């Protein structure tokens, strides 16, 4: 069962819209031990997860990657139950 939520925290699966590329991507915030970015599993200590934690659905935010500003919109936030 999946539970929808309004706020991102540890364990969340987040669907994002990459506004620059007009494409969607899904990440799940997990522990360092479980992280595997190639599978969409990002550590809760990663810079990207730190930016995501606390944000809400439909929120827009920027993230700097290799001196480039990427723009994102949070589409959905889900938790496995």
Protein backbone atom coordinates (compact mmCIF):
# COMPACT_ATOMS: atom_id res chain seq x y z
CA UNK A 1 0.00 0.00 0.00
CA UNK A 2 1.23 3.52 -0.82
CA UNK A 3 0.45 6.56 1.30
CA UNK A 4 0.44 10.03 -0.28
CA UNK A 5 1.90 12.88 1.74
CA UNK A 6 2.34 16.60 1.45
CA UNK A 7 5.84 16.81 2.98
CA UNK A 8 9.14 15.09 2.12
CA UNK A 9 11.05 13.19 4.80
CA UNK A 10 13.20 10.07 5.09
CA UNK A 11 11.67 7.11 3.21
CA UNK A 12 9.76 9.24 0.70
CA UNK A 13 9.51 8.38 -2.99
CA UNK A 14 9.43 11.68 -4.82
CA UNK A 15 8.36 12.22 -8.42
CA UNK A 16 9.98 15.35 -9.81
CA UNK A 17 9.59 17.33 -12.99
CA UNK A 18 12.96 18.50 -14.33
CA UNK A 19 11.80 21.79 -15.79
CA UNK A 20 15.00 22.29 -17.80
CA UNK A 21 14.55 18.97 -19.64
CA UNK A 22 10.74 18.71 -19.37
CA UNK A 23 11.08 15.15 -18.06
CA UNK A 24 10.13 13.35 -14.86
CA UNK A 25 12.30 11.32 -12.51
CA UNK A 26 11.59 9.42 -9.30
CA UNK A 27 13.93 9.31 -6.30
CA UNK A 28 13.58 7.57 -2.96
CA UNK A 29 15.35 8.91 0.13
CA UNK A 30 17.12 6.05 1.92
CA UNK A 31 20.08 5.46 4.25
CA UNK A 32 23.70 5.74 3.13
CA UNK A 33 23.93 1.95 3.18
CA UNK A 34 20.94 1.51 0.81
CA UNK A 35 21.75 4.36 -1.56
CA UNK A 36 22.27 3.63 -5.25
CA UNK A 37 21.73 6.76 -7.34
CA UNK A 38 21.67 4.76 -10.59
CA UNK A 39 18.50 3.09 -9.24
CA UNK A 40 16.97 6.34 -7.94
CA UNK A 41 17.90 5.59 -4.31
CA UNK A 42 19.56 8.65 -2.77
CA UNK A 43 21.14 8.94 0.66
CA UNK A 44 19.40 11.14 3.20
CA UNK A 45 22.83 12.77 3.69
CA UNK A 46 23.28 13.65 0.00
CA UNK A 47 23.11 17.34 -0.95
CA UNK A 48 20.07 16.70 -3.17
CA UNK A 49 18.13 14.87 -0.43
CA UNK A 50 18.98 17.63 2.05
CA UNK A 51 17.39 20.14 -0.34
CA UNK A 52 14.31 17.92 -0.82
CA UNK A 53 13.60 17.15 2.85
CA UNK A 54 10.86 19.41 4.20
CA UNK A 55 9.59 20.51 0.78
CA UNK A 56 5.95 20.04 -0.23
CA UNK A 57 4.04 18.81 -3.25
CA UNK A 58 3.85 21.33 -6.13
CA UNK A 59 6.79 23.29 -4.69
CA UNK A 60 9.35 24.66 -7.15
CA UNK A 61 13.05 24.71 -6.28
CA UNK A 62 16.49 25.15 -7.82
CA UNK A 63 19.52 22.91 -7.35
CA UNK A 64 23.08 23.66 -8.49
CA UNK A 65 24.76 20.77 -10.29
CA UNK A 66 28.28 21.29 -11.64
CA UNK A 67 27.82 25.08 -11.71
CA UNK A 68 24.50 24.77 -13.58
CA UNK A 69 21.15 25.66 -12.06
CA UNK A 70 18.53 22.94 -12.49
CA UNK A 71 14.87 23.76 -11.85
CA UNK A 72 12.47 21.18 -10.43
CA UNK A 73 8.82 20.86 -9.43
CA UNK A 74 7.66 18.26 -6.91
CA UNK A 75 4.87 16.27 -8.55
CA UNK A 76 4.12 13.68 -5.86
CA UNK A 77 5.36 12.39 -2.50
CA UNK A 78 4.60 8.77 -1.56
CA UNK A 79 5.51 6.43 1.29
CA UNK A 80 5.38 2.62 1.22
CA UNK A 81 3.34 1.10 4.02
